[in-house]
Amino acid sequence: MLRGDYEELHAFQQILLYEDSLVAAISKQHPFSHLQQLSINQLKDEKLLLPPQYTTICNLAIKACQQAGFNPIIHRHGRIETILSAASENNGIALLMKKSLHIFHLNQVHILPFIENIHGDIKLYYSFNSKHKEAIQEFVHTLQPIKYQESSH
């Protein structure tokens, strides 16, 4: 299971497990906090709080900024709870995946979607060309009817 689409894995079968999108977590004191959504271009001069450098989410956020024509000002990398805390203290804007946030208390930040709808979907890549073909088929068959359900919080 991986987040994203990888050209080098196109030879494999794939199942979309769930769709997810990049969002911004902004302090309620930030000038953008009154908005309903953001454009990635609005982040050009903002300090960004990103997940660790080795993550697909970090790469997705940086790539979105670069495609918008600017290099992001990265203030800090950290775990979700660390960058959410920093965002709540108005130390920058945290860029995270929407479906990762359902377990956190978000009363100190405002979550804004992006107009550009920047996806980081979760996919299962697999191949039946294996000595474990039957087990893989059963696993895939079990997964296909499963849909990610957002919590009602």
Foldseek 3Di string as FASTA:
>chain_A
DFWDDDPVQPVWDKDFQAKKFKKKWAFCPDPCLVDQAAALVVQQPWAEEEADPVHPQRVLNQVSNVVVPHGGRHPYHHDPVVRNVCRLVVVTMYIDIPQVPLVDDRPRIHIHHHPVGRITTDMDTHHCPDPCNVVVVVVVVVSVVDHDDRDPD
